[in-house]
Structure formats: structure tokens, C-alpha cells
């Protein structure tokens, strides 16, 4: 159960990161460089968190031995 919840949380964070990246692209494309920049920063942090959750779950829920 822990494994499923960990992967689910990671994938939710990665989905949020994809949404933030989309918003950033709209900001850059609309000549709103401040919006594009800050949404890119947010997307980066969400990506790091999502990958950390997925990799951490994979490492900490594997069978020992």
C-alpha cells in the first residue's frame, strides 16, 4: 500500500509540474517573461519533488536481501 501511495503522490506532482510548464510556455509565448520565468521555476521544483517521490518510493519499498 505504501508503494502505491508513494508512486501516486509522485505522479500527481509530475502532473502538476506539467501543468506549470504549460503555463510557463503560455507566459513566454505571450511576451510575459516574468510569468514565464516564475512558472518555469515552479515547474522545476515540482519536477524535482515528483522525481524524488517516485525514486524514493522505489528505493525504500524494495525487498531487502
PDB file of N, CA and C in Angstrom:
ATOM      1  N   UNK A   1       0.823  -1.196   0.000  1.00  0.00           N
ATOM      2  CA  UNK A   1       0.000   0.000   0.000  1.00  0.00           C
ATOM      3  C   UNK A   1       0.868   1.261   0.000  1.00  0.00           C
ATOM      4  N   UNK A   2       1.966   1.223   0.778  1.00  0.00           N
ATOM      5  CA  UNK A   2       2.855   2.377   0.821  1.00  0.00           C
ATOM      6  C   UNK A   2       3.454   2.666  -0.562  1.00  0.00           C
ATOM      7  N   UNK A   3       3.769   1.592  -1.264  1.00  0.00           N
ATOM      8  CA  UNK A   3       4.360   1.750  -2.589  1.00  0.00           C
ATOM      9  C   UNK A   3       3.387   2.439  -3.537  1.00  0.00           C
ATOM     10  N   UNK A   4       2.129   2.020  -3.517  1.00  0.00           N
ATOM     11  CA  UNK A   4       1.122   2.614  -4.398  1.00  0.00           C
ATOM     12  C   UNK A   4       0.908   4.087  -4.062  1.00  0.00           C
ATOM     13  N   UNK A   5       0.831   4.413  -2.780  1.00  0.00           N
ATOM     14  CA  UNK A   5       0.627   5.802  -2.385  1.00  0.00           C
ATOM     15  C   UNK A   5       1.831   6.679  -2.737  1.00  0.00           C
ATOM     16  N   UNK A   6       3.021   6.133  -2.575  1.00  0.00           N
ATOM     17  CA  UNK A   6       4.222   6.891  -2.923  1.00  0.00           C
ATOM     18  C   UNK A   6       4.298   7.196  -4.408  1.00  0.00           C
ATOM     19  N   UNK A   7       4.027   6.181  -5.226  1.00  0.00           N
ATOM     20  CA  UNK A   7       4.047   6.404  -6.669  1.00  0.00           C
ATOM     21  C   UNK A   7       2.920   7.341  -7.101  1.00  0.00           C
ATOM     22  N   UNK A   8       1.759   7.190  -6.486  1.00  0.00           N
ATOM     23  CA  UNK A   8       0.635   8.066  -6.807  1.00  0.00           C
ATOM     24  C   UNK A   8       0.981   9.528  -6.498  1.00  0.00           C
ATOM     25  N   UNK A   9       1.552   9.765  -5.330  1.00  0.00           N
ATOM     26  CA  UNK A   9       1.940  11.131  -4.953  1.00  0.00           C
ATOM     27  C   UNK A   9       2.975  11.691  -5.919  1.00  0.00           C
ATOM     28  N   UNK A  10       3.932  10.866  -6.311  1.00  0.00           N
ATOM     29  CA  UNK A  10       4.953  11.306  -7.261  1.00  0.00           C
ATOM     30  C   UNK A  10       4.365  11.656  -8.614  1.00  0.00           C
ATOM     31  N   UNK A  11       3.447  10.839  -9.088  1.00  0.00           N
ATOM     32  CA  UNK A  11       2.851  11.100 -10.387  1.00  0.00           C
ATOM     33  C   UNK A  11       1.909  12.305 -10.358  1.00  0.00           C
ATOM     34  N   UNK A  12       1.265  12.537  -9.218  1.00  0.00           N
ATOM     35  CA  UNK A  12       0.445  13.745  -9.084  1.00  0.00           C
ATOM     36  C   UNK A  12       1.338  14.989  -9.146  1.00  0.00           C
ATOM     37  N   UNK A  13       2.468  14.940  -8.470  1.00  0.00           N
ATOM     38  CA  UNK A  13       3.392  16.074  -8.515  1.00  0.00           C
ATOM     39  C   UNK A  13       3.938  16.292  -9.927  1.00  0.00           C
ATOM     40  N   UNK A  14       4.217  15.208 -10.637  1.00  0.00           N
ATOM     41  CA  UNK A  14       4.698  15.345 -12.014  1.00  0.00           C
ATOM     42  C   UNK A  14       3.612  15.903 -12.932  1.00  0.00           C
ATOM     43  N   UNK A  15       2.356  15.554 -12.673  1.00  0.00           N
ATOM     44  CA  UNK A  15       1.262  16.124 -13.456  1.00  0.00           C
ATOM     45  C   UNK A  15       1.126  17.625 -13.175  1.00  0.00           C
ATOM     46  N   UNK A  16       1.269  18.014 -11.925  1.00  0.00           N
ATOM     47  CA  UNK A  16       1.247  19.443 -11.594  1.00  0.00           C
ATOM     48  C   UNK A  16       2.414  20.176 -12.252  1.00  0.00           C
ATOM     49  N   UNK A  17       3.565  19.514 -12.309  1.00  0.00           N
ATOM     50  CA  UNK A  17       4.728  20.114 -12.964  1.00  0.00           C
ATOM     51  C   UNK A  17       4.462  20.317 -14.457  1.00  0.00           C
ATOM     52  N   UNK A  18       3.790  19.359 -15.078  1.00  0.00           N
ATOM     53  CA  UNK A  18       3.464  19.504 -16.499  1.00  0.00           C
ATOM     54  C   UNK A  18       2.505  20.679 -16.713  1.00  0.00           C
ATOM     55  N   UNK A  19       1.547  20.836 -15.815  1.00  0.00           N
ATOM     56  CA  UNK A  19       0.633  21.977 -15.908  1.00  0.00           C
ATOM     57  C   UNK A  19       1.351  23.297 -15.714  1.00  0.00           C
ATOM     58  N   UNK A  20       2.288  23.332 -14.779  1.00  0.00           N
ATOM     59  CA  UNK A  20       3.068  24.550 -14.552  1.00  0.00           C
ATOM     60  C   UNK A  20       3.945  24.861 -15.762  1.00  0.00           C
ATOM     61  N   UNK A  21       4.510  23.828 -16.378  1.00  0.00           N
ATOM     62  CA  UNK A  21       5.336  24.045 -17.569  1.00  0.00           C
ATOM     63  C   UNK A  21       4.486  24.577 -18.723  1.00  0.00           C
ATOM     64  N   UNK A  22       3.275  24.081 -18.833  1.00  0.00           N
ATOM     65  CA  UNK A  22       2.362  24.580 -19.876  1.00  0.00           C
ATOM     66  C   UNK A  22       2.050  26.056 -19.648  1.00  0.00           C
ATOM     67  N   UNK A  23       1.778  26.423 -18.404  1.00  0.00           N
ATOM     68  CA  UNK A  23       1.507  27.818 -18.084  1.00  0.00           C
ATOM     69  C   UNK A  23       2.736  28.684 -18.369  1.00  0.00           C
ATOM     70  N   UNK A  24       3.916  28.154 -18.072  1.00  0.00           N
ATOM     71  CA  UNK A  24       5.148  28.886 -18.357  1.00  0.00           C
ATOM     72  C   UNK A  24       5.306  29.130 -19.852  1.00  0.00           C
ATOM     73  N   UNK A  25       5.011  28.119 -20.649  1.00  0.00           N
ATOM     74  CA  UNK A  25       5.134  28.271 -22.102  1.00  0.00           C
ATOM     75  C   UNK A  25       4.148  29.317 -22.621  1.00  0.00           C
ATOM     76  N   UNK A  26       2.946  29.344 -22.053  1.00  0.00           N
ATOM     77  CA  UNK A  26       1.977  30.367 -22.447  1.00  0.00           C
ATOM     78  C   UNK A  26       2.481  31.761 -22.066  1.00  0.00           C
ATOM     79  N   UNK A  27       3.118  31.848 -20.913  1.00  0.00           N
ATOM     80  CA  UNK A  27       3.678  33.134 -20.489  1.00  0.00           C
ATOM     81  C   UNK A  27       4.799  33.592 -21.400  1.00  0.00           C
ATOM     82  N   UNK A  28       5.717  32.682 -21.731  1.00  0.00           N
ATOM     83  CA  UNK A  28       6.810  33.044 -22.630  1.00  0.00           C
ATOM     84  C   UNK A  28       6.269  33.415 -24.011  1.00  0.00           C
ATOM     85  N   UNK A  29       5.306  32.657 -24.480  1.00  0.00           N
ATOM     86  CA  UNK A  29       4.754  32.904 -25.812  1.00  0.00           C
ATOM     87  C   UNK A  29       3.961  34.195 -25.901  1.00  0.00           C
ATOM     88  N   UNK A  30       3.411  34.635 -24.794  1.00  0.00           N
ATOM     89  CA  UNK A  30       2.620  35.859 -24.775  1.00  0.00           C
ATOM     90  C   UNK A  30       3.415  37.090 -24.388  1.00  0.00           C
ATOM     91  N   UNK A  31       4.743  37.008 -24.437  1.00  0.00           N
ATOM     92  CA  UNK A  31       5.640  38.117 -24.082  1.00  0.00           C
ATOM     93  C   UNK A  31       5.471  38.563 -22.634  1.00  0.00           C
ATOM     94  N   UNK A  32       5.096  37.634 -21.775  1.00  0.00           N
ATOM     95  CA  UNK A  32       5.040  37.897 -20.338  1.00  0.00           C
ATOM     96  C   UNK A  32       6.205  37.139 -19.709  1.00  0.00           C
ATOM     97  N   UNK A  33       7.391  37.701 -19.835  1.00  0.00           N
ATOM     98  CA  UNK A  33       8.591  36.982 -19.419  1.00  0.00           C
ATOM     99  C   UNK A  33       8.625  36.721 -17.920  1.00  0.00           C
ATOM    100  N   UNK A  34       8.044  37.611 -17.136  1.00  0.00           N
ATOM    101  CA  UNK A  34       8.034  37.376 -15.691  1.00  0.00           C
ATOM    102  C   UNK A  34       7.174  36.167 -15.345  1.00  0.00           C
ATOM    103  N   UNK A  35       6.023  36.051 -15.976  1.00  0.00           N
ATOM    104  CA  UNK A  35       5.144  34.891 -15.757  1.00  0.00           C
ATOM    105  C   UNK A  35       5.841  33.625 -16.237  1.00  0.00           C
ATOM    106  N   UNK A  36       6.443  33.678 -17.408  1.00  0.00           N
ATOM    107  CA  UNK A  36       7.147  32.514 -17.942  1.00  0.00           C
ATOM    108  C   UNK A  36       8.278  32.073 -17.043  1.00  0.00           C
ATOM    109  N   UNK A  37       9.039  33.036 -16.540  1.00  0.00           N
ATOM    110  CA  UNK A  37      10.173  32.704 -15.681  1.00  0.00           C
ATOM    111  C   UNK A  37       9.724  32.032 -14.381  1.00  0.00           C
ATOM    112  N   UNK A  38       8.784  32.646 -13.678  1.00  0.00           N
ATOM    113  CA  UNK A  38       8.391  32.111 -12.375  1.00  0.00           C
ATOM    114  C   UNK A  38       7.655  30.789 -12.488  1.00  0.00           C
ATOM    115  N   UNK A  39       6.859  30.600 -13.541  1.00  0.00           N
ATOM    116  CA  UNK A  39       6.211  29.300 -13.714  1.00  0.00           C
ATOM    117  C   UNK A  39       7.222  28.233 -14.110  1.00  0.00           C
ATOM    118  N   UNK A  40       8.302  28.619 -14.773  1.00  0.00           N
ATOM    119  CA  UNK A  40       9.374  27.676 -15.071  1.00  0.00           C
ATOM    120  C   UNK A  40      10.063  27.246 -13.776  1.00  0.00           C
ATOM    121  N   UNK A  41      10.295  28.203 -12.879  1.00  0.00           N
ATOM    122  CA  UNK A  41      10.891  27.879 -11.583  1.00  0.00           C
ATOM    123  C   UNK A  41       9.984  26.922 -10.804  1.00  0.00           C
ATOM    124  N   UNK A  42       8.700  27.206 -10.772  1.00  0.00           N
ATOM    125  CA  UNK A  42       7.745  26.352 -10.066  1.00  0.00           C
ATOM    126  C   UNK A  42       7.715  24.958 -10.688  1.00  0.00           C
ATOM    127  N   UNK A  43       7.712  24.901 -12.012  1.00  0.00           N
ATOM    128  CA  UNK A  43       7.716  23.600 -12.692  1.00  0.00           C
ATOM    129  C   UNK A  43       8.975  22.811 -12.351  1.00  0.00           C
ATOM    130  N   UNK A  44      10.090  23.484 -12.254  1.00  0.00           N
ATOM    131  CA  UNK A  44      11.338  22.813 -11.880  1.00  0.00           C
ATOM    132  C   UNK A  44      11.276  22.225 -10.484  1.00  0.00           C
ATOM    133  N   UNK A  45      10.781  23.007  -9.527  1.00  0.00           N
ATOM    134  CA  UNK A  45      10.660  22.496  -8.160  1.00  0.00           C
ATOM    135  C   UNK A  45       9.683  21.325  -8.076  1.00  0.00           C
ATOM    136  N   UNK A  46       8.566  21.416  -8.774  1.00  0.00           N
ATOM    137  CA  UNK A  46       7.600  20.319  -8.765  1.00  0.00           C
ATOM    138  C   UNK A  46       8.167  19.071  -9.418  1.00  0.00           C
ATOM    139  N   UNK A  47       8.959  19.237 -10.458  1.00  0.00           N
ATOM    140  CA  UNK A  47       9.590  18.096 -11.115  1.00  0.00           C
ATOM    141  C   UNK A  47      10.573  17.411 -10.170  1.00  0.00           C
ATOM    142  N   UNK A  48      11.375  18.207  -9.472  1.00  0.00           N
ATOM    143  CA  UNK A  48      12.316  17.640  -8.505  1.00  0.00           C
ATOM    144  C   UNK A  48      11.570  16.879  -7.415  1.00  0.00           C
ATOM    145  N   UNK A  49      10.488  17.458  -6.910  1.00  0.00           N
ATOM    146  CA  UNK A  49       9.704  16.802  -5.858  1.00  0.00           C
ATOM    147  C   UNK A  49       9.067  15.513  -6.370  1.00  0.00           C
ATOM    148  N   UNK A  50       8.510  15.550  -7.573  1.00  0.00           N
ATOM    149  CA  UNK A  50       7.875  14.361  -8.134  1.00  0.00           C
ATOM    150  C   UNK A  50       8.864  13.238  -8.378  1.00  0.00           C
ATOM    151  N   UNK A  51       9.997  13.570  -8.957  1.00  0.00           N
ATOM    152  CA  UNK A  51      11.018  12.542  -9.194  1.00  0.00           C
ATOM    153  C   UNK A  51      11.572  12.013  -7.879  1.00  0.00           C
ATOM    154  N   UNK A  52      11.717  12.896  -6.899  1.00  0.00           N
ATOM    155  CA  UNK A  52      12.180  12.458  -5.587  1.00  0.00           C
ATOM    156  C   UNK A  52      11.202  11.490  -4.944  1.00  0.00           C
ATOM    157  N   UNK A  53       9.912  11.752  -5.094  1.00  0.00           N
ATOM    158  CA  UNK A  53       8.902  10.861  -4.523  1.00  0.00           C
ATOM    159  C   UNK A  53       8.907   9.505  -5.219  1.00  0.00           C
ATOM    160  N   UNK A  54       9.001   9.502  -6.536  1.00  0.00           N
ATOM    161  CA  UNK A  54       8.981   8.241  -7.280  1.00  0.00           C
ATOM    162  C   UNK A  54      10.245   7.429  -7.005  1.00  0.00           C
ATOM    163  N   UNK A  55      11.406   8.066  -7.090  1.00  0.00           N
ATOM    164  CA  UNK A  55      12.668   7.344  -6.855  1.00  0.00           C
ATOM    165  C   UNK A  55      12.779   6.916  -5.396  1.00  0.00           C
ATOM    166  N   UNK A  56      12.406   7.796  -4.486  1.00  0.00           N
ATOM    167  CA  UNK A  56      12.455   7.448  -3.071  1.00  0.00           C
ATOM    168  C   UNK A  56      11.530   6.295  -2.728  1.00  0.00           C
ATOM    169  N   UNK A  57      10.357   6.282  -3.316  1.00  0.00           N
ATOM    170  CA  UNK A  57       9.438   5.175  -3.093  1.00  0.00           C
ATOM    171  C   UNK A  57      10.017   3.877  -3.638  1.00  0.00           C
ATOM    172  N   UNK A  58      10.608   3.944  -4.817  1.00  0.00           N
ATOM    173  CA  UNK A  58      11.189   2.742  -5.411  1.00  0.00           C
ATOM    174  C   UNK A  58      12.341   2.205  -4.555  1.00  0.00           C
ATOM    175  N   UNK A  59      13.147   3.095  -4.012  1.00  0.00           N
ATOM    176  CA  UNK A  59      14.289   2.656  -3.205  1.00  0.00           C
ATOM    177  C   UNK A  59      13.837   2.113  -1.852  1.00  0.00           C
ATOM    178  N   UNK A  60      12.936   2.799  -1.191  1.00  0.00           N
ATOM    179  CA  UNK A  60      12.594   2.466   0.181  1.00  0.00           C
ATOM    180  C   UNK A  60      11.518   1.401   0.339  1.00  0.00           C
ATOM    181  N   UNK A  61      10.917   0.965  -0.751  1.00  0.00           N
ATOM    182  CA  UNK A  61       9.913  -0.101  -0.638  1.00  0.00           C
ATOM    183  C   UNK A  61      10.358  -1.392  -1.297  1.00  0.00           C
ATOM    184  N   UNK A  62      11.606  -1.459  -1.731  1.00  0.00           N
ATOM    185  CA  UNK A  62      12.080  -2.718  -2.341  1.00  0.00           C
ATOM    186  C   UNK A  62      12.402  -3.735  -1.241  1.00  0.00           C
ATOM    187  N   UNK A  63      12.362  -4.963  -1.633  1.00  0.00           N
ATOM    188  CA  UNK A  63      12.663  -6.054  -0.709  1.00  0.00           C
ATOM    189  C   UNK A  63      14.161  -6.060  -0.393  1.00  0.00           C
ATOM    190  N   UNK A  64      14.504  -6.250   0.848  1.00  0.00           N
ATOM    191  CA  UNK A  64      15.915  -6.314   1.216  1.00  0.00           C
ATOM    192  C   UNK A  64      16.415  -7.746   1.061  1.00  0.00           C
ATOM    193  N   UNK A  65      17.668  -7.835   0.630  1.00  0.00           N
ATOM    194  CA  UNK A  65      18.278  -9.160   0.531  1.00  0.00           C
ATOM    195  C   UNK A  65      18.206  -9.769  -0.754  1.00  0.00           C
TER     196      UNK A  65
END
